[in-house]
Protein backbone atom coordinates (compact mmCIF):
# COMPACT_ATOMS: atom_id res chain seq x y z
CA UNK A 1 42.54 -19.02 -81.43
CA UNK A 2 41.34 -15.47 -80.65
CA UNK A 3 37.72 -16.69 -80.70
CA UNK A 4 37.93 -19.20 -77.82
CA UNK A 5 37.01 -18.07 -74.30
CA UNK A 6 40.40 -18.45 -72.64
CA UNK A 7 42.29 -15.88 -70.60
CA UNK A 8 44.47 -13.80 -72.93
CA UNK A 9 42.35 -14.04 -76.08
CA UNK A 10 40.34 -11.25 -77.70
CA UNK A 11 37.17 -13.23 -77.01
CA UNK A 12 37.94 -13.48 -73.29
CA UNK A 13 38.58 -9.74 -72.94
CA UNK A 14 35.21 -8.88 -74.48
CA UNK A 15 33.50 -11.75 -72.68
CA UNK A 16 34.41 -10.59 -69.16
CA UNK A 17 32.79 -7.20 -69.78
CA UNK A 18 31.37 -5.95 -73.11
CA UNK A 19 33.95 -4.11 -75.19
CA UNK A 20 31.31 -1.53 -76.11
CA UNK A 21 28.84 0.46 -74.05
CA UNK A 22 25.42 -1.20 -73.91
CA UNK A 23 22.39 1.07 -73.60
CA UNK A 24 18.77 0.23 -72.85
CA UNK A 25 16.28 2.81 -74.13
CA UNK A 26 12.71 2.81 -72.84
CA UNK A 27 9.57 4.25 -74.43
CA UNK A 28 6.63 4.46 -72.00
CA UNK A 29 3.04 4.20 -73.27
CA UNK A 30 1.05 7.12 -71.84
CA UNK A 31 -2.76 6.78 -71.76
CA UNK A 32 -4.39 9.81 -73.41
CA UNK A 33 -8.02 8.97 -72.55
CA UNK A 34 -8.03 7.73 -68.93
CA UNK A 35 -11.61 8.86 -68.18
CA UNK A 36 -13.06 6.93 -71.14
CA UNK A 37 -11.06 3.82 -70.22
CA UNK A 38 -12.16 3.91 -66.56
CA UNK A 39 -15.78 5.03 -66.97
CA UNK A 40 -16.78 3.44 -70.28
CA UNK A 41 -14.34 0.58 -70.81
CA UNK A 42 -13.13 2.29 -74.00
CA UNK A 43 -9.97 1.05 -75.76
CA UNK A 44 -6.94 2.98 -74.45
CA UNK A 45 -5.44 5.60 -76.74
CA UNK A 46 -1.69 5.36 -76.28
CA UNK A 47 1.20 7.69 -76.99
CA UNK A 48 4.78 6.52 -76.65
CA UNK A 49 7.14 8.87 -74.82
CA UNK A 50 10.89 8.44 -74.74
CA UNK A 51 13.57 7.42 -74.98
CA UNK A 52 14.64 7.25 -71.35
CA UNK A 53 18.10 5.75 -71.58
CA UNK A 54 20.12 3.67 -69.13
CA UNK A 55 23.57 2.20 -69.44
CA UNK A 56 23.53 -1.53 -68.65
CA UNK A 57 25.92 -4.50 -68.78
CA UNK A 58 28.87 -2.39 -67.62
CA UNK A 59 29.81 -4.62 -64.67
CA UNK A 60 32.16 -7.58 -65.26
CA UNK A 61 30.88 -11.12 -64.94
CA UNK A 62 31.05 -12.58 -61.43
CA UNK A 63 31.89 -15.96 -59.88
CA UNK A 64 33.84 -17.01 -62.98
CA UNK A 65 34.89 -20.65 -62.65
CA UNK A 66 36.74 -22.75 -65.23
CA UNK A 67 35.85 -26.44 -65.39
CA UNK A 68 37.75 -29.51 -66.59
CA UNK A 69 35.12 -30.38 -69.21
CA UNK A 70 35.93 -27.38 -71.43
CA UNK A 71 33.28 -25.11 -69.91
CA UNK A 72 33.29 -21.93 -67.85
CA UNK A 73 30.52 -20.72 -65.52
CA UNK A 74 29.58 -17.24 -64.34
CA UNK A 75 26.90 -14.94 -62.99
CA UNK A 76 25.76 -11.88 -64.95
CA UNK A 77 25.28 -8.87 -62.60
CA UNK A 78 22.37 -6.52 -63.29
CA UNK A 79 22.84 -2.76 -63.05
CA UNK A 80 21.25 0.23 -64.77
CA UNK A 81 22.55 3.81 -64.68
CA UNK A 82 20.40 6.65 -65.99
CA UNK A 83 21.91 8.68 -68.86
CA UNK A 84 20.20 12.11 -68.83
CA UNK A 85 22.05 13.37 -71.93
CA UNK A 86 20.61 10.48 -73.96
CA UNK A 87 17.06 10.89 -72.63
CA UNK A 88 14.14 13.18 -73.48
CA UNK A 89 13.48 14.03 -69.85
CA UNK A 90 14.22 13.02 -66.28
CA UNK A 91 13.38 9.90 -64.30
CA UNK A 92 10.73 11.98 -62.54
CA UNK A 93 8.62 12.48 -65.69
CA UNK A 94 5.12 11.22 -64.91
CA UNK A 95 2.78 9.09 -67.03
CA UNK A 96 -0.70 7.64 -66.86
CA UNK A 97 -0.24 3.90 -67.17
CA UNK A 98 -1.73 0.57 -66.15
CA UNK A 99 -2.04 -0.32 -62.47
CA UNK A 100 0.21 -3.38 -62.25
CA UNK A 101 -1.22 -4.77 -59.01
CA UNK A 102 -4.93 -4.31 -59.74
CA UNK A 103 -4.98 -5.81 -63.25
CA UNK A 104 -3.03 -8.87 -62.11
CA UNK A 105 -5.70 -9.97 -59.60
CA UNK A 106 -8.03 -11.89 -62.00
CA UNK A 107 -5.09 -13.96 -63.27
CA UNK A 108 -3.57 -14.58 -59.83
CA UNK A 109 -6.90 -15.20 -58.07
CA UNK A 110 -9.54 -16.36 -60.57
CA UNK A 111 -12.14 -17.16 -57.89
CA UNK A 112 -14.85 -14.54 -57.29
CA UNK A 113 -14.75 -14.98 -53.49
CA UNK A 114 -11.07 -14.02 -53.24
CA UNK A 115 -11.56 -11.21 -55.74
CA UNK A 116 -14.40 -9.78 -53.61
CA UNK A 117 -12.16 -9.74 -50.53
CA UNK A 118 -9.31 -8.05 -52.42
CA UNK A 119 -11.77 -5.56 -53.91
CA UNK A 120 -12.35 -4.18 -50.40
CA UNK A 121 -8.68 -3.17 -50.11
CA UNK A 122 -8.55 -1.93 -53.72
CA UNK A 123 -11.42 0.47 -52.98
CA UNK A 124 -10.11 1.51 -49.56
CA UNK A 125 -6.76 2.43 -51.14
CA UNK A 126 -8.61 4.37 -53.88
CA UNK A 127 -6.82 2.34 -56.55
CA UNK A 128 -8.19 2.08 -60.09
CA UNK A 129 -7.24 0.28 -63.28
CA UNK A 130 -4.90 3.17 -64.19
CA UNK A 131 -2.35 5.09 -62.16
CA UNK A 132 0.14 7.95 -62.47
CA UNK A 133 3.77 6.91 -62.06
CA UNK A 134 7.21 8.36 -62.76
CA UNK A 135 9.65 6.64 -65.11
CA UNK A 136 11.79 5.56 -62.17
CA UNK A 137 8.82 4.15 -60.25
CA UNK A 138 7.35 2.23 -63.18
CA UNK A 139 10.67 0.67 -64.19
CA UNK A 140 12.43 0.01 -60.91
CA UNK A 141 9.71 -0.07 -58.27
CA UNK A 142 7.33 1.80 -55.95
CA UNK A 143 5.18 1.11 -52.91
CA UNK A 144 1.72 0.19 -54.18
CA UNK A 145 -1.12 1.63 -52.06
CA UNK A 146 -3.42 -1.36 -52.65
CA UNK A 147 -0.81 -3.96 -51.67
CA UNK A 148 0.28 -1.76 -48.77
CA UNK A 149 -3.27 -1.74 -47.39
CA UNK A 150 -3.56 -5.54 -47.15
CA UNK A 151 -3.19 -6.54 -43.46
CA UNK A 152 -1.06 -9.55 -44.34
CA UNK A 153 2.71 -10.07 -44.85
CA UNK A 154 2.69 -9.00 -48.53
CA UNK A 155 5.59 -7.19 -50.21
CA UNK A 156 3.98 -3.89 -51.33
CA UNK A 157 6.90 -2.94 -53.58
CA UNK A 158 6.65 -3.67 -57.30
CA UNK A 159 7.76 -2.40 -60.71
CA UNK A 160 8.10 -3.72 -64.25
CA UNK A 161 11.76 -4.68 -63.68
CA UNK A 162 11.78 -4.89 -59.89
CA UNK A 163 14.09 -6.20 -58.52
CA UNK A 164 16.95 -5.36 -60.89
CA UNK A 165 19.88 -3.31 -59.55
CA UNK A 166 21.98 -5.43 -57.24
CA UNK A 167 20.66 -8.74 -58.61
CA UNK A 168 22.34 -11.26 -60.92
CA UNK A 169 21.23 -13.48 -63.78
CA UNK A 170 22.47 -17.05 -63.94
CA UNK A 171 24.24 -19.31 -63.21
CA UNK A 172 25.38 -19.66 -66.83
CA UNK A 173 27.73 -22.43 -67.92
CA UNK A 174 29.11 -22.17 -71.47
CA UNK A 175 31.61 -24.01 -73.65
CA UNK A 176 34.96 -22.24 -74.06
CA UNK A 177 35.73 -23.79 -77.46
CA UNK A 178 39.08 -25.21 -76.36
CA UNK A 179 37.98 -28.81 -76.91
CA UNK A 180 35.54 -28.18 -79.77
CA UNK A 181 35.62 -24.78 -81.48
CA UNK A 182 32.18 -25.40 -83.02
CA UNK A 183 30.71 -25.20 -79.50
CA UNK A 184 32.34 -21.88 -78.52
CA UNK A 185 30.02 -19.77 -76.29
CA UNK A 186 27.14 -22.26 -76.54
CA UNK A 187 25.27 -22.54 -73.23
CA UNK A 188 25.75 -25.93 -71.60
CA UNK A 189 23.32 -25.16 -68.77
CA UNK A 190 21.37 -22.30 -67.18
CA UNK A 191 20.85 -22.35 -63.41
CA UNK A 192 22.37 -25.84 -63.49
CA UNK A 193 19.65 -27.11 -65.83
CA UNK A 194 19.34 -27.63 -69.58
CA UNK A 195 15.62 -26.97 -69.47
CA UNK A 196 13.64 -24.02 -68.11
CA UNK A 197 10.56 -25.76 -66.62
CA UNK A 198 8.31 -23.08 -68.21
CA UNK A 199 7.24 -24.75 -71.45
CA UNK A 200 6.39 -28.15 -72.88
CA UNK A 201 8.59 -30.15 -75.26
CA UNK A 202 11.41 -28.57 -77.25
CA UNK A 203 10.24 -25.03 -76.37
CA UNK A 204 11.64 -25.56 -72.86
CA UNK A 205 15.22 -26.17 -74.01
CA UNK A 206 18.09 -23.71 -73.49
CA UNK A 207 19.56 -23.46 -76.99
CA UNK A 208 22.51 -21.62 -78.51
CA UNK A 209 24.57 -18.83 -76.96
CA UNK A 210 23.64 -15.68 -75.04
CA UNK A 211 23.80 -13.69 -78.29
CA UNK A 212 27.04 -11.85 -77.49
CA UNK A 213 29.02 -14.24 -79.69
CA UNK A 214 28.62 -17.44 -81.69
CA UNK A 215 30.95 -20.24 -82.79
CA UNK A 216 33.43 -19.04 -85.47
CA UNK A 217 32.93 -19.27 -89.24
CA UNK A 218 29.29 -18.21 -89.41
CA UNK A 219 27.55 -19.05 -92.69
CA UNK A 220 24.66 -17.17 -94.29
CA UNK A 221 22.48 -20.27 -94.42
CA UNK A 222 22.80 -20.94 -90.68
CA UNK A 223 20.03 -20.50 -88.14
CA UNK A 224 21.65 -18.82 -85.13
CA UNK A 225 20.01 -19.78 -81.86
CA UNK A 226 20.37 -17.81 -78.64
CA UNK A 227 18.78 -17.75 -75.21
CA UNK A 228 17.29 -14.65 -73.58
CA UNK A 229 16.30 -14.74 -69.92
CA UNK A 230 14.30 -11.51 -70.53
CA UNK A 231 11.75 -13.46 -72.56
CA UNK A 232 12.21 -16.77 -70.74
CA UNK A 233 12.95 -18.75 -73.90
CA UNK A 234 15.43 -19.54 -76.63
CA UNK A 235 14.92 -17.82 -79.96
CA UNK A 236 16.73 -17.62 -83.29
CA UNK A 237 17.94 -15.34 -86.06
CA UNK A 238 18.19 -15.81 -89.83
CA UNK A 239 20.48 -14.04 -92.30
CA UNK A 240 19.10 -10.85 -93.81
CA UNK A 241 21.95 -8.82 -95.34
CA UNK A 242 25.61 -7.85 -95.31
CA UNK A 243 26.59 -4.78 -93.30
CA UNK A 244 29.78 -2.73 -93.03
CA UNK A 245 30.58 -1.22 -89.65
CA UNK A 246 33.78 0.81 -89.29
CA UNK A 247 35.48 -1.08 -92.10
CA UNK A 248 34.44 -4.52 -90.85
CA UNK A 249 32.12 -6.73 -92.90
CA UNK A 250 29.29 -8.15 -90.80
CA UNK A 251 26.37 -10.52 -91.38
CA UNK A 252 23.02 -9.22 -90.14
CA UNK A 253 20.76 -11.86 -88.59
CA UNK A 254 17.21 -10.86 -87.64
CA UNK A 255 14.55 -12.52 -85.50
CA UNK A 256 12.00 -13.48 -88.18
CA UNK A 257 8.24 -13.12 -88.10
CA UNK A 258 7.96 -16.92 -87.86
CA UNK A 259 9.52 -16.90 -84.37
CA UNK A 260 6.30 -15.35 -82.99
CA UNK A 261 3.89 -16.94 -85.47
CA UNK A 262 0.87 -18.93 -84.32
CA UNK A 263 1.10 -22.75 -84.22
CA UNK A 264 -1.43 -22.89 -87.05
CA UNK A 265 1.23 -21.27 -89.27
CA UNK A 266 4.43 -22.66 -87.71
CA UNK A 267 3.76 -26.02 -86.10
CA UNK A 268 6.94 -25.97 -83.98
CA UNK A 269 5.48 -23.06 -81.98
CA UNK A 270 2.73 -25.25 -80.50
CA UNK A 271 4.41 -25.44 -77.11
CA UNK A 272 4.47 -21.65 -76.72
CA UNK A 273 0.66 -21.59 -76.76
CA UNK A 274 -0.40 -21.82 -73.11
CA UNK A 275 -3.90 -20.32 -72.98
CA UNK A 276 -6.50 -21.60 -75.44
CA UNK A 277 -8.98 -18.83 -74.64
CA UNK A 278 -6.73 -15.76 -74.91
CA UNK A 279 -4.95 -17.18 -77.97
CA UNK A 280 -8.28 -18.09 -79.61
CA UNK A 281 -7.35 -21.75 -79.85
CA UNK A 282 -3.70 -20.96 -80.64
CA UNK A 283 -4.54 -18.97 -83.78
CA UNK A 284 -3.17 -15.59 -82.65
CA UNK A 285 0.38 -14.50 -83.48
CA UNK A 286 2.85 -11.97 -82.16
CA UNK A 287 2.63 -12.29 -78.36
CA UNK A 288 4.18 -14.67 -75.84
CA UNK A 289 2.61 -15.50 -72.49
CA UNK A 290 5.51 -15.63 -70.01
CA UNK A 291 3.39 -15.78 -66.84
CA UNK A 292 4.96 -19.17 -66.01
CA UNK A 293 8.30 -17.48 -65.34
CA UNK A 294 6.80 -14.35 -63.75
CA UNK A 295 5.13 -15.96 -60.70
CA UNK A 296 1.85 -16.28 -62.67
CA UNK A 297 1.56 -12.53 -63.19
CA UNK A 298 -0.14 -11.99 -66.60
CA UNK A 299 2.94 -10.70 -68.44
CA UNK A 300 2.99 -10.95 -72.23
CA UNK A 301 6.05 -10.20 -74.37
CA UNK A 302 5.90 -9.00 -77.97
CA UNK A 303 7.91 -7.02 -80.46
CA UNK A 304 7.43 -3.23 -80.13
CA UNK A 305 4.08 -1.85 -81.28
CA UNK A 306 2.89 -5.45 -81.73
CA UNK A 307 5.05 -5.91 -84.83
CA UNK A 308 3.99 -9.15 -86.62
CA UNK A 309 1.04 -9.60 -84.22
CA UNK A 310 -2.49 -10.54 -85.26
CA UNK A 311 -4.81 -7.65 -86.13
CA UNK A 312 -7.13 -8.34 -83.20
CA UNK A 313 -4.22 -7.83 -80.78
CA UNK A 314 -2.94 -4.70 -82.53
CA UNK A 315 -6.41 -3.13 -82.70
CA UNK A 316 -7.25 -3.86 -79.06
CA UNK A 317 -5.58 -0.52 -78.31
CA UNK A 318 -5.12 2.67 -80.34
CA UNK A 319 -2.01 4.63 -81.25
CA UNK A 320 0.47 1.92 -82.27
CA UNK A 321 2.41 1.99 -85.56
CA UNK A 322 4.59 -1.10 -86.06
CA UNK A 323 7.41 -1.03 -88.59
CA UNK A 324 10.34 -3.39 -89.09
CA UNK A 325 13.09 -0.77 -89.33
CA UNK A 326 12.43 0.60 -85.84
CA UNK A 327 11.04 -2.45 -84.10
CA UNK A 328 12.80 -5.61 -85.30
CA UNK A 329 15.61 -7.32 -83.37
CA UNK A 330 18.93 -7.84 -85.17
CA UNK A 331 22.48 -9.04 -84.53
CA UNK A 332 25.39 -7.93 -86.74
CA UNK A 333 28.01 -10.68 -86.55
CA UNK A 334 31.59 -10.80 -87.79
CA UNK A 335 31.48 -14.17 -89.59
CA UNK A 336 35.08 -15.34 -89.05
CA UNK A 337 35.14 -14.97 -85.26
CA UNK A 338 31.40 -15.15 -84.57
CA UNK A 339 31.55 -11.96 -82.47
CA UNK A 340 28.44 -9.76 -82.34
CA UNK A 341 29.79 -6.26 -83.05
CA UNK A 342 26.45 -4.44 -83.27
CA UNK A 343 23.00 -5.41 -82.08
CA UNK A 344 19.55 -4.09 -81.21
CA UNK A 345 17.36 -6.25 -78.97
CA UNK A 346 13.85 -4.82 -79.03
CA UNK A 347 10.84 -6.05 -77.09
CA UNK A 348 7.62 -4.81 -75.57
CA UNK A 349 6.23 -5.58 -72.11
CA UNK A 350 2.45 -5.98 -71.88
CA UNK A 351 -0.10 -7.08 -69.28
CA UNK A 352 -3.28 -9.04 -69.89
CA UNK A 353 -6.34 -7.09 -68.74
CA UNK A 354 -9.37 -9.22 -67.86
CA UNK A 355 -12.89 -8.11 -66.90
CA UNK A 356 -14.14 -8.90 -63.40
CA UNK A 357 -17.60 -8.47 -61.90
CA UNK A 358 -16.12 -8.79 -58.41
CA UNK A 359 -13.52 -6.02 -58.79
CA UNK A 360 -15.04 -2.57 -59.18
CA UNK A 361 -11.92 -1.15 -60.87
CA UNK A 362 -12.21 -3.76 -63.66
CA UNK A 363 -16.00 -3.95 -63.96
CA UNK A 364 -16.10 -1.73 -67.07
CA UNK A 365 -13.67 -3.91 -69.04
CA UNK A 366 -15.70 -5.55 -71.81
CA UNK A 367 -13.32 -8.27 -73.07
CA UNK A 368 -9.81 -9.51 -72.25
CA UNK A 369 -7.09 -7.64 -74.15
CA UNK A 370 -3.34 -7.14 -74.04
CA UNK A 371 -2.28 -3.72 -72.76
CA UNK A 372 1.21 -2.36 -73.66
CA UNK A 373 3.22 -0.84 -70.81
CA UNK A 374 6.49 0.05 -72.54
CA UNK A 375 8.97 -1.09 -75.12
CA UNK A 376 12.74 -1.14 -74.97
CA UNK A 377 15.73 -1.18 -77.27
CA UNK A 378 18.93 -2.65 -75.82
CA UNK A 379 21.74 -1.88 -78.23
CA UNK A 380 25.49 -1.53 -78.67
CA UNK A 381 28.03 -0.95 -81.42
CA UNK A 382 31.75 -1.63 -81.41
CA UNK A 383 33.78 1.48 -80.51
CA UNK A 384 36.56 3.02 -82.62
CA UNK A 385 39.38 1.71 -80.42
CA UNK A 386 38.00 -1.83 -80.36
CA UNK A 387 37.28 -1.69 -84.09
CA UNK A 388 40.89 -0.71 -84.81
CA UNK A 389 42.14 -3.55 -82.63
CA UNK A 390 39.74 -5.94 -84.34
CA UNK A 391 40.84 -4.86 -87.81
CA UNK A 392 44.52 -5.29 -86.93
CA UNK A 393 44.14 -8.62 -85.13
CA UNK A 394 41.46 -10.30 -87.22
CA UNK A 395 40.31 -8.75 -90.48
CA UNK A 396 43.77 -7.37 -91.28
CA UNK A 397 45.30 -10.84 -90.97
CA UNK A 398 42.51 -12.35 -93.05
CA UNK A 399 43.04 -9.74 -95.76
CA UNK A 400 46.78 -10.43 -95.62
CA UNK A 401 46.09 -14.16 -96.00
CA UNK A 402 43.74 -13.46 -98.90
CA UNK A 403 46.40 -11.26 -100.53
CA UNK A 404 49.05 -13.93 -99.94
CA UNK A 405 46.72 -16.59 -101.31
CA UNK A 406 46.05 -14.45 -104.40
CA UNK A 407 49.77 -13.78 -104.83
CA UNK A 408 50.52 -17.49 -104.59
CA UNK A 409 47.78 -18.25 -107.10
CA UNK A 410 49.13 -15.62 -109.51
CA UNK A 411 52.70 -16.83 -109.01
CA UNK A 412 51.56 -20.40 -109.53
CA UNK A 413 49.67 -19.42 -112.68
CA UNK A 414 52.71 -17.55 -114.05
CA UNK A 415 54.99 -20.51 -113.33
CA UNK A 416 52.47 -22.89 -114.88
CA UNK A 417 52.17 -20.73 -118.02
CA UNK A 418 55.96 -20.39 -118.19
CA UNK A 419 56.32 -24.16 -117.87
CA UNK A 420 53.67 -24.81 -120.53
CA UNK A 421 55.30 -22.21 -122.81
CA UNK A 422 58.71 -23.85 -122.42
CA UNK A 423 57.15 -27.27 -122.97
CA UNK A 424 55.50 -26.30 -126.24
CA UNK A 425 58.63 -24.46 -127.48
CA UNK A 426 60.79 -27.51 -126.79
CA UNK A 427 58.19 -29.81 -128.35
CA UNK A 428 57.97 -27.68 -131.50
CA UNK A 429 61.78 -27.73 -131.85
CA UNK A 430 61.81 -31.53 -131.57
CA UNK A 431 59.09 -31.84 -134.21
CA UNK A 432 61.20 -29.76 -136.59
């Protein structure tokens, strides 16, 4: 009963607003050899710098509406608050990074005529393939000099996550579990649709929950599916190990390598392959082209440091060191209730860089390659107060039931043995 999303339950309290603080840490990739990249088309040498930490998901859900069909709908407000004590520097720290507007031109306008026209404004604004930006500018937005120089009604403001603060994600509609507990928290629709309109076939479906919780009684052999609007797709986790967090036993589910494998290895991934050229006929693994949900901007998502990516992608740049412990995504789930009590969602944002003879700033680029901008770790862990409440309301009762069950079994065994003993004693007396 505590696991259904109904006012008054433990699930509802943590569903309205997360019971634990959620933090999003960013590591920015700083280019160490800008002159070689710009003048010679050399591979960029990258150095990650961070973390720069923000608190997120601290606002309660909005526009909550209960429906007669056992569902509840809501909007998820976006807000990020900088946490200086959890960061290596300030939001004004400056980095040499990719020029978001310039490198997007070949993908947005593939024709040489349009590129030649835009090249005039790129040069007049003195923009190049690289730029210097602060953490705050790169993440949340800045006025781009190239876009600002175009004498047309173009929004010159852009950033990796612009717009974010003051926006909302949704509309989400999920099952409460009141009519069918096996559907608790599963998304019925997203933005009033069950499909995303970004992919072909089954890849386009909105599957599972939002990852914050799952239907109760989670088994180790389950595949847990969840939807993430950050990567514009549904994904899944598989059981890896048991964990113990603050006296609570949890099941760790991780996003496996197969989720980002090439279609030649995992056939079901065929519909995530959208560009035959860049993917080398769908043989490359480890990156996801999400340009369809980013207004055709050449955004590619991967795990941090190209974890599980093909060697040709990893070696297109220098300075990356992927390892599972730091870069994999995991969810630690309490199996009885299905609540996620600890998680780390890790992903990397990249842009596709293409050569162009018509754009001076990109004329030195030799071949298309995927350029990392930053990677992030969004994480949370249940707090002491919530853990104590959880132990008393859930695990404590389960342990009490297990103890009671054991006591009943022992009592039953004793009574059975006593009965059998009496039976054989009486039988032996009769035989005499």
